[in-house]
Amino acid sequence: MLNWTDLNINTLKNILSSILLPIVLVVSLHSCKSKTNSKPIDSIVRDTTSKTDIKGNPIDYDHTKVIKNVYVINRKGIGAMQQPDVTSPQLLKYQYGDRLDVIEEKNGWLGIRDRVTRNYKKNGSDWESSGWEKVYIKADATGDISAIKLLPEDLNVIATYKKGEEQLSRLTQFLDISLIDEADFTSKKLTAIDYIVADTTVITKKNGIIELPCGDKIKRYIDKPDAEEQRQEFNYIGNIPFLNKYILSGSYWESADYKLIDKTTGKEEVSLDDYPYISADKRFLISISANGYDQTGDLILYAITSTKLKLIISVSFKNWMPAGDEKSFWANDGCFYLTVSHSKAIEAEGEKEGNKKYQYLKIKIL
């Protein structure tokens, strides 16, 4: 018979055995595994809080004062250095038109507040850390918003357009886009053509309801301003007599559109992101919108045959967006004219309107 001391020792052995055996098995398995594959399965560990081995100039984002904002005016972009020295490590690369927060000015250099991702070794593993730092750029590579300009080679660069299996980077068919000066734009505006009849006193909204006579029936559009994600509000814009279409604008939870509604059938023929413009010869309809989510100018072009619309092209331009209060128009020369800004300049929030310098485009249908 075991005495009390023996019982405790044996029990202790059993307990230790039950704890250590799985550990031994895990270590053994890992040892066997490392013989066939010496590289860890997941060798990069993301560390967003540790400051271990971080060099450079860490800053407190919330307690760092921004002196001013500048824009990169070097068309090739510019590197951001760890110290105000051209031989210092380059941490970031800024592109033309990027808006930067300046927190220091020093002997021809600007200290910029930005987030830097670093990779380093720790305990034999590869680590990645991201944090706010002060980086440096040459001051002469920057300027104010008025310096961000479109050049001719910027105009046909596209963000999204697919032809078959090919993803194109420039639009070389359908449209010819060129820069013109303000004087030319103003003179062409005197010949603007508009086929939209704004008969807004004939069709009005009553108690949040617009009624459109369509053949022998009435089509109703009902406002729901308090429906949160289902909200909708409509406004009657007018009609296009030769197309036999009404134009209605709609505002929704996170979007808006312009609807072209057939006067006879009540069918919504086309939904556009912005106002529709009819060419002088009545052969084309164009609509161009500023896409604030992707920072692109989104263009859609339709061919007109009788009262029917056929899509020719839908494309997003990367470098420019419609801007300003000047209304776009078709002139009697058959070209479309509009006011634009470089997408990087439009992206800048809080800039004084007077600092923004608009440019003017002429679009010819090929």
Protein backbone atom coordinates (compact mmCIF):
# COMPACT_ATOMS: atom_id res chain seq x y z
CA MET A 1 0.00 0.00 0.00
CA LEU A 2 1.23 3.51 -0.95
CA ASN A 3 1.61 6.01 1.82
CA TRP A 4 0.47 9.64 1.53
CA THR A 5 3.90 10.88 0.40
CA ASP A 6 4.13 8.23 -2.34
CA LEU A 7 0.66 9.09 -3.53
CA ASN A 8 1.54 12.76 -3.85
CA ILE A 9 4.76 12.01 -5.75
CA ASN A 10 3.03 9.66 -8.18
CA THR A 11 0.18 12.05 -8.66
CA LEU A 12 2.64 14.85 -9.31
CA LYS A 13 4.44 12.69 -11.89
CA ASN A 14 1.18 12.02 -13.69
CA ILE A 15 0.28 15.70 -13.72
CA LEU A 16 3.69 16.73 -15.04
CA SER A 17 3.54 14.01 -17.67
CA SER A 18 0.15 15.18 -18.93
CA ILE A 19 1.47 18.76 -19.23
CA LEU A 20 4.86 18.09 -20.76
CA LEU A 21 3.90 15.39 -23.27
CA PRO A 22 1.97 17.70 -25.67
CA ILE A 23 4.78 20.24 -25.46
CA VAL A 24 7.34 17.62 -26.35
CA LEU A 25 5.17 16.47 -29.26
CA VAL A 26 4.75 20.02 -30.59
CA VAL A 27 8.49 20.70 -30.34
CA SER A 28 9.25 17.40 -32.02
CA LEU A 29 6.81 18.09 -34.85
CA HIS A 30 8.22 21.59 -35.34
CA SER A 31 11.75 20.16 -35.35
CA CYS A 32 10.83 17.59 -37.99
CA LYS A 33 9.08 20.25 -40.06
CA SER A 34 12.03 22.64 -39.94
CA LYS A 35 14.29 19.97 -41.40
CA THR A 36 12.24 19.88 -44.62
CA ASN A 37 11.37 23.57 -44.75
CA SER A 38 13.66 26.00 -42.96
CA LYS A 39 11.58 29.10 -43.95
CA PRO A 40 8.77 29.93 -41.48
CA ILE A 41 5.26 29.62 -42.93
CA ASP A 42 4.43 33.20 -41.95
CA SER A 43 7.71 35.07 -41.69
CA ILE A 44 6.28 38.63 -41.62
CA VAL A 45 4.60 39.79 -38.44
CA ARG A 46 2.63 43.06 -38.64
CA ASP A 47 3.33 45.29 -35.67
CA THR A 48 1.42 48.60 -35.71
CA THR A 49 2.16 49.60 -32.13
CA SER A 50 5.75 48.63 -31.30
CA LYS A 51 8.43 51.32 -31.72
CA THR A 52 11.25 48.76 -31.54
CA ASP A 53 14.11 49.57 -33.93
CA ILE A 54 12.22 52.52 -35.44
CA LYS A 55 14.58 55.20 -36.73
CA GLY A 56 13.78 58.58 -38.20
CA ASN A 57 11.51 61.25 -36.74
CA PRO A 58 8.38 59.80 -35.07
CA ILE A 59 5.70 62.40 -34.29
CA ASP A 60 2.41 62.65 -32.43
CA TYR A 61 -0.15 63.24 -35.19
CA ASP A 62 -2.75 64.91 -32.97
CA HIS A 63 -0.27 67.34 -31.40
CA THR A 64 1.71 68.31 -34.49
CA LYS A 65 0.83 71.68 -36.00
CA VAL A 66 0.46 71.95 -39.77
CA ILE A 67 2.03 75.24 -40.93
CA LYS A 68 0.65 75.14 -44.47
CA ASN A 69 -0.17 72.88 -47.39
CA VAL A 70 1.88 72.59 -50.57
CA TYR A 71 1.57 70.61 -53.80
CA VAL A 72 4.21 68.63 -55.66
CA ILE A 73 4.92 70.55 -58.89
CA ASN A 74 7.73 68.36 -60.20
CA ARG A 75 6.14 66.37 -63.05
CA LYS A 76 8.39 63.38 -62.26
CA GLY A 77 7.44 63.37 -58.59
CA ILE A 78 9.80 63.73 -55.64
CA GLY A 79 11.33 61.49 -52.99
CA ALA A 80 10.77 62.07 -49.26
CA MET A 81 13.97 61.64 -47.25
CA GLN A 82 14.49 60.62 -43.64
CA GLN A 83 16.63 63.71 -42.96
CA PRO A 84 17.06 67.04 -44.83
CA ASP A 85 19.93 65.59 -46.84
CA VAL A 86 19.99 64.18 -50.38
CA THR A 87 22.13 61.25 -49.16
CA SER A 88 19.61 60.31 -46.46
CA PRO A 89 17.42 57.19 -46.98
CA GLN A 90 14.34 57.77 -49.14
CA LEU A 91 11.20 56.69 -47.27
CA LEU A 92 8.36 57.72 -49.61
CA LYS A 93 7.75 58.89 -53.18
CA TYR A 94 5.23 61.65 -53.93
CA GLN A 95 3.58 62.13 -57.32
CA TYR A 96 2.80 65.30 -59.24
CA GLY A 97 -0.09 67.16 -57.65
CA ASP A 98 0.03 65.40 -54.27
CA ARG A 99 -1.10 67.67 -51.42
CA LEU A 100 1.27 67.65 -48.42
CA ASP A 101 1.07 68.83 -44.80
CA VAL A 102 4.09 71.00 -43.92
CA ILE A 103 5.15 70.99 -40.26
CA GLU A 104 8.66 72.48 -40.58
CA GLU A 105 10.71 74.72 -42.88
CA LYS A 106 14.47 74.27 -42.75
CA ASN A 107 17.21 75.57 -45.10
CA GLY A 108 15.41 74.88 -48.36
CA TRP A 109 13.73 71.72 -47.05
CA LEU A 110 10.17 71.11 -45.85
CA GLY A 111 9.29 68.75 -43.03
CA ILE A 112 6.18 66.78 -44.05
CA ARG A 113 3.77 64.90 -41.80
CA ASP A 114 3.09 61.46 -43.22
CA ARG A 115 2.65 57.81 -42.35
CA VAL A 116 5.71 55.61 -42.93
CA THR A 117 5.84 51.82 -43.10
CA ARG A 118 9.11 50.21 -42.05
CA ASN A 119 10.43 46.64 -42.19
CA TYR A 120 12.98 45.35 -39.69
CA LYS A 121 14.33 42.27 -37.91
CA LYS A 122 13.25 41.40 -34.38
CA ASN A 123 14.00 38.15 -32.52
CA GLY A 124 14.93 36.46 -35.79
CA SER A 125 11.66 37.38 -37.54
CA ASP A 126 10.73 39.98 -40.13
CA TRP A 127 8.52 42.70 -38.71
CA GLU A 128 6.54 45.54 -40.28
CA SER A 129 5.64 48.71 -38.40
CA SER A 130 3.65 51.74 -39.52
CA GLY A 131 3.51 55.12 -37.80
CA TRP A 132 3.42 58.89 -38.23
CA GLU A 133 6.79 60.49 -38.94
CA LYS A 134 8.33 63.71 -40.19
CA VAL A 135 9.95 63.27 -43.59
CA TYR A 136 11.77 65.86 -45.71
CA ILE A 137 11.41 67.10 -49.29
CA LYS A 138 13.10 69.87 -51.25
CA ALA A 139 11.01 73.06 -51.05
CA ASP A 140 11.65 74.04 -54.66
CA ALA A 141 9.77 70.95 -55.89
CA THR A 142 6.52 72.29 -54.41
CA GLY A 143 4.07 75.14 -55.02
CA ASP A 144 0.48 76.20 -54.41
CA ILE A 145 -2.66 74.78 -55.99
CA SER A 146 -2.59 77.19 -58.91
CA ALA A 147 0.58 75.48 -60.18
CA ILE A 148 -1.20 72.15 -60.74
CA LYS A 149 -1.98 72.28 -64.46
CA LEU A 150 -3.03 69.93 -67.21
CA LEU A 151 -0.73 69.45 -70.19
CA PRO A 152 -1.91 68.14 -73.58
CA GLU A 153 -0.42 64.70 -72.89
CA ASP A 154 -2.53 64.42 -69.70
CA LEU A 155 -5.90 64.70 -71.42
CA ASN A 156 -6.50 61.26 -72.92
CA VAL A 157 -5.07 59.24 -70.00
CA ILE A 158 -7.87 56.97 -68.80
CA ALA A 159 -8.54 55.13 -65.55
CA THR A 160 -11.09 52.60 -66.78
CA TYR A 161 -11.88 51.50 -70.31
CA LYS A 162 -11.71 47.97 -71.61
CA LYS A 163 -11.63 46.93 -75.26
CA GLY A 164 -12.02 43.17 -75.56
CA GLU A 165 -9.43 41.67 -73.25
CA GLU A 166 -7.18 44.72 -73.46
CA GLN A 167 -7.15 47.32 -70.66
CA LEU A 168 -6.25 50.63 -72.34
CA SER A 169 -4.30 53.42 -70.65
CA ARG A 170 -5.01 56.11 -73.26
CA LEU A 171 -8.07 56.84 -75.38
CA THR A 172 -6.98 57.16 -79.01
CA GLN A 173 -10.33 56.82 -80.76
CA PHE A 174 -13.88 58.24 -80.59
CA LEU A 175 -12.79 61.61 -79.16
CA ASP A 176 -10.17 64.28 -79.76
CA ILE A 177 -9.58 66.34 -76.60
CA SER A 178 -7.57 69.57 -76.57
CA LEU A 179 -6.83 72.51 -74.29
CA ILE A 180 -8.07 75.97 -75.26
CA ASP A 181 -7.73 79.35 -73.56
CA GLU A 182 -10.44 81.25 -71.71
CA ALA A 183 -10.97 83.74 -74.54
CA ASP A 184 -11.70 80.95 -77.02
CA PHE A 185 -14.07 79.29 -74.54
CA THR A 186 -15.95 82.57 -73.99
CA SER A 187 -16.31 83.27 -77.71
CA LYS A 188 -17.59 79.76 -78.44
CA LYS A 189 -20.13 80.10 -75.65
CA LEU A 190 -21.88 82.81 -77.68
CA THR A 191 -22.78 80.11 -80.22
CA ALA A 192 -23.99 77.53 -77.67
CA ILE A 193 -26.84 75.24 -78.73
CA ASP A 194 -29.44 73.91 -76.26
CA TYR A 195 -32.39 71.72 -77.24
CA ILE A 196 -33.76 71.27 -73.73
CA VAL A 197 -37.04 73.11 -73.07
CA ALA A 198 -37.22 74.08 -69.40
CA ASP A 199 -41.03 74.02 -69.09
CA THR A 200 -40.86 73.82 -65.31
CA THR A 201 -43.99 75.97 -64.90
CA VAL A 202 -46.03 73.43 -66.87
CA ILE A 203 -44.98 70.37 -64.89
CA THR A 204 -44.54 71.11 -61.20
CA LYS A 205 -44.08 69.19 -57.99
CA LYS A 206 -47.10 69.10 -55.69
CA ASN A 207 -46.92 67.67 -52.18
CA GLY A 208 -43.66 65.94 -53.06
CA ILE A 209 -45.10 64.29 -56.20
CA ILE A 210 -44.21 64.89 -59.86
CA GLU A 211 -46.73 63.62 -62.42
CA LEU A 212 -45.56 63.05 -65.99
CA PRO A 213 -48.22 62.51 -68.72
CA CYS A 214 -47.05 59.47 -70.74
CA GLY A 215 -49.46 58.53 -73.50
CA ASP A 216 -52.76 57.61 -71.89
CA LYS A 217 -51.29 57.20 -68.39
CA ILE A 218 -49.58 59.21 -65.66
CA LYS A 219 -46.17 58.27 -64.31
CA ARG A 220 -45.55 59.48 -60.76
CA TYR A 221 -42.28 60.17 -58.96
CA ILE A 222 -42.72 60.50 -55.20
CA ASP A 223 -40.23 62.13 -52.83
CA LYS A 224 -39.14 60.24 -49.71
CA PRO A 225 -36.84 62.75 -48.00
CA ASP A 226 -36.92 61.07 -44.57
CA ALA A 227 -36.48 57.44 -45.67
CA GLU A 228 -32.77 57.37 -44.69
CA GLU A 229 -31.04 54.79 -46.94
CA GLN A 230 -34.18 54.61 -49.09
CA ARG A 231 -34.46 58.38 -49.46
CA GLN A 232 -35.23 59.89 -52.85
CA GLU A 233 -36.07 63.37 -54.10
CA PHE A 234 -36.86 64.39 -57.67
CA ASN A 235 -36.86 67.60 -59.69
CA TYR A 236 -38.30 68.18 -63.13
CA ILE A 237 -35.67 69.69 -65.46
CA GLY A 238 -37.56 69.94 -68.74
CA ASN A 239 -38.00 68.00 -71.96
CA ILE A 240 -36.31 67.38 -75.32
CA PRO A 241 -39.08 67.68 -77.93
CA PHE A 242 -37.37 66.00 -80.92
CA LEU A 243 -36.28 63.08 -78.69
CA ASN A 244 -39.72 62.82 -77.10
CA LYS A 245 -38.12 62.63 -73.66
CA TYR A 246 -38.65 64.18 -70.23
CA ILE A 247 -35.62 64.96 -68.06
CA LEU A 248 -35.84 64.34 -64.33
CA SER A 249 -33.04 64.68 -61.77
CA GLY A 250 -32.94 62.37 -58.77
CA SER A 251 -31.10 62.62 -55.46
CA TYR A 252 -30.64 59.50 -53.31
CA TRP A 253 -28.84 58.28 -50.18
CA GLU A 254 -25.35 58.27 -51.71
CA SER A 255 -25.92 59.01 -55.39
CA ALA A 256 -27.72 61.16 -57.94
CA ASP A 257 -28.80 60.86 -61.57
CA TYR A 258 -30.57 62.39 -64.55
CA LYS A 259 -33.30 60.24 -66.08
CA LEU A 260 -34.52 60.46 -69.68
CA ILE A 261 -38.12 59.23 -69.72
CA ASP A 262 -40.05 58.48 -72.90
CA LYS A 263 -43.12 60.70 -73.16
CA THR A 264 -45.20 57.99 -74.82
CA THR A 265 -44.30 54.80 -72.96
CA GLY A 266 -43.08 56.22 -69.62
CA LYS A 267 -39.97 54.04 -69.93
CA GLU A 268 -36.74 55.31 -68.38
CA GLU A 269 -34.55 55.13 -71.48
CA VAL A 270 -31.26 56.33 -69.99
CA SER A 271 -29.85 57.15 -66.54
CA LEU A 272 -26.93 59.60 -66.50
CA ASP A 273 -24.62 60.78 -63.73
CA ASP A 274 -24.91 64.41 -64.82
CA TYR A 275 -26.74 66.83 -67.10
CA PRO A 276 -27.36 65.71 -70.71
CA TYR A 277 -26.17 67.89 -73.63
CA ILE A 278 -27.37 67.49 -77.25
CA SER A 279 -25.00 68.27 -80.15
CA ALA A 280 -25.83 71.00 -82.65
CA ASP A 281 -26.57 68.46 -85.41
CA LYS A 282 -28.75 66.38 -83.01
CA ARG A 283 -26.56 63.32 -83.60
CA PHE A 284 -24.98 62.96 -80.14
CA LEU A 285 -25.79 63.20 -76.44
CA ILE A 286 -22.92 63.67 -73.99
CA SER A 287 -22.78 63.78 -70.20
CA ILE A 288 -19.65 64.34 -68.10
CA SER A 289 -19.58 64.06 -64.30
CA ALA A 290 -17.03 64.64 -61.56
CA ASN A 291 -16.50 61.34 -59.76
CA GLY A 292 -15.48 62.32 -56.24
CA TYR A 293 -14.91 58.73 -55.12
CA ASP A 294 -12.34 57.82 -57.79
CA GLN A 295 -11.22 61.39 -58.61
CA THR A 296 -11.98 60.92 -62.30
CA GLY A 297 -13.94 62.67 -65.01
CA ASP A 298 -16.59 60.20 -66.15
CA LEU A 299 -17.82 60.67 -69.72
CA ILE A 300 -20.66 58.90 -71.50
CA LEU A 301 -21.52 59.42 -75.16
CA TYR A 302 -24.64 58.28 -77.05
CA ALA A 303 -25.52 58.33 -80.73
CA ILE A 304 -29.02 59.61 -81.53
CA THR A 305 -31.16 57.96 -84.21
CA SER A 306 -34.70 59.33 -84.40
CA THR A 307 -35.85 59.06 -80.77
CA LYS A 308 -33.45 56.25 -79.84
CA LEU A 309 -30.13 56.43 -77.99
CA LYS A 310 -27.25 54.02 -78.61
CA LEU A 311 -24.21 53.92 -76.33
CA ILE A 312 -20.93 54.74 -78.10
CA ILE A 313 -18.50 54.94 -75.20
CA SER A 314 -18.34 55.19 -71.41
CA VAL A 315 -14.91 56.14 -70.07
CA SER A 316 -13.24 57.63 -66.98
CA PHE A 317 -10.40 60.12 -67.42
CA LYS A 318 -7.68 59.97 -64.79
CA ASN A 319 -6.20 63.48 -64.75
CA TRP A 320 -9.14 65.87 -65.10
CA MET A 321 -12.64 66.49 -63.82
CA PRO A 322 -15.35 69.04 -64.74
CA ALA A 323 -15.17 72.00 -62.35
CA GLY A 324 -16.25 75.57 -61.74
CA ASP A 325 -19.56 77.35 -62.29
CA GLU A 326 -19.22 77.80 -66.05
CA LYS A 327 -21.83 75.65 -67.78
CA SER A 328 -20.67 73.15 -70.40
CA PHE A 329 -22.12 73.44 -73.91
CA TRP A 330 -22.13 72.30 -77.50
CA ALA A 331 -21.20 75.10 -79.91
CA ASN A 332 -22.41 75.43 -83.50
CA ASP A 333 -19.00 74.17 -84.71
CA GLY A 334 -20.01 70.68 -83.57
CA CYS A 335 -17.60 70.54 -80.61
CA PHE A 336 -18.29 70.25 -76.88
CA TYR A 337 -16.72 72.71 -74.44
CA LEU A 338 -16.26 72.51 -70.67
CA THR A 339 -14.36 73.92 -67.69
CA VAL A 340 -12.04 71.51 -65.88
CA SER A 341 -9.34 71.22 -63.23
CA HIS A 342 -6.57 68.73 -62.67
CA SER A 343 -8.00 65.90 -60.55
CA LYS A 344 -5.31 66.46 -57.92
CA ALA A 345 -6.38 70.10 -57.54
CA ILE A 346 -10.05 69.21 -57.15
CA GLU A 347 -9.10 66.61 -54.54
CA ALA A 348 -7.79 69.37 -52.28
CA GLU A 349 -10.43 70.26 -49.70
CA GLY A 350 -10.54 73.57 -47.87
CA GLU A 351 -8.66 75.54 -50.51
CA LYS A 352 -9.95 79.04 -51.20
CA GLU A 353 -11.97 79.17 -54.40
CA GLY A 354 -9.91 82.11 -55.65
CA ASN A 355 -6.74 80.01 -55.57
CA LYS A 356 -8.14 77.49 -58.04
CA LYS A 357 -7.28 78.16 -61.67
CA TYR A 358 -9.61 76.45 -64.12
CA GLN A 359 -8.72 75.26 -67.59
CA TYR A 360 -10.85 74.76 -70.68
CA LEU A 361 -11.33 71.72 -72.91
CA LYS A 362 -12.62 71.26 -76.43
CA ILE A 363 -13.94 67.78 -77.30
CA LYS A 364 -14.45 66.80 -80.91
CA ILE A 365 -16.29 63.62 -81.94
CA LEU A 366 -14.20 61.57 -84.38
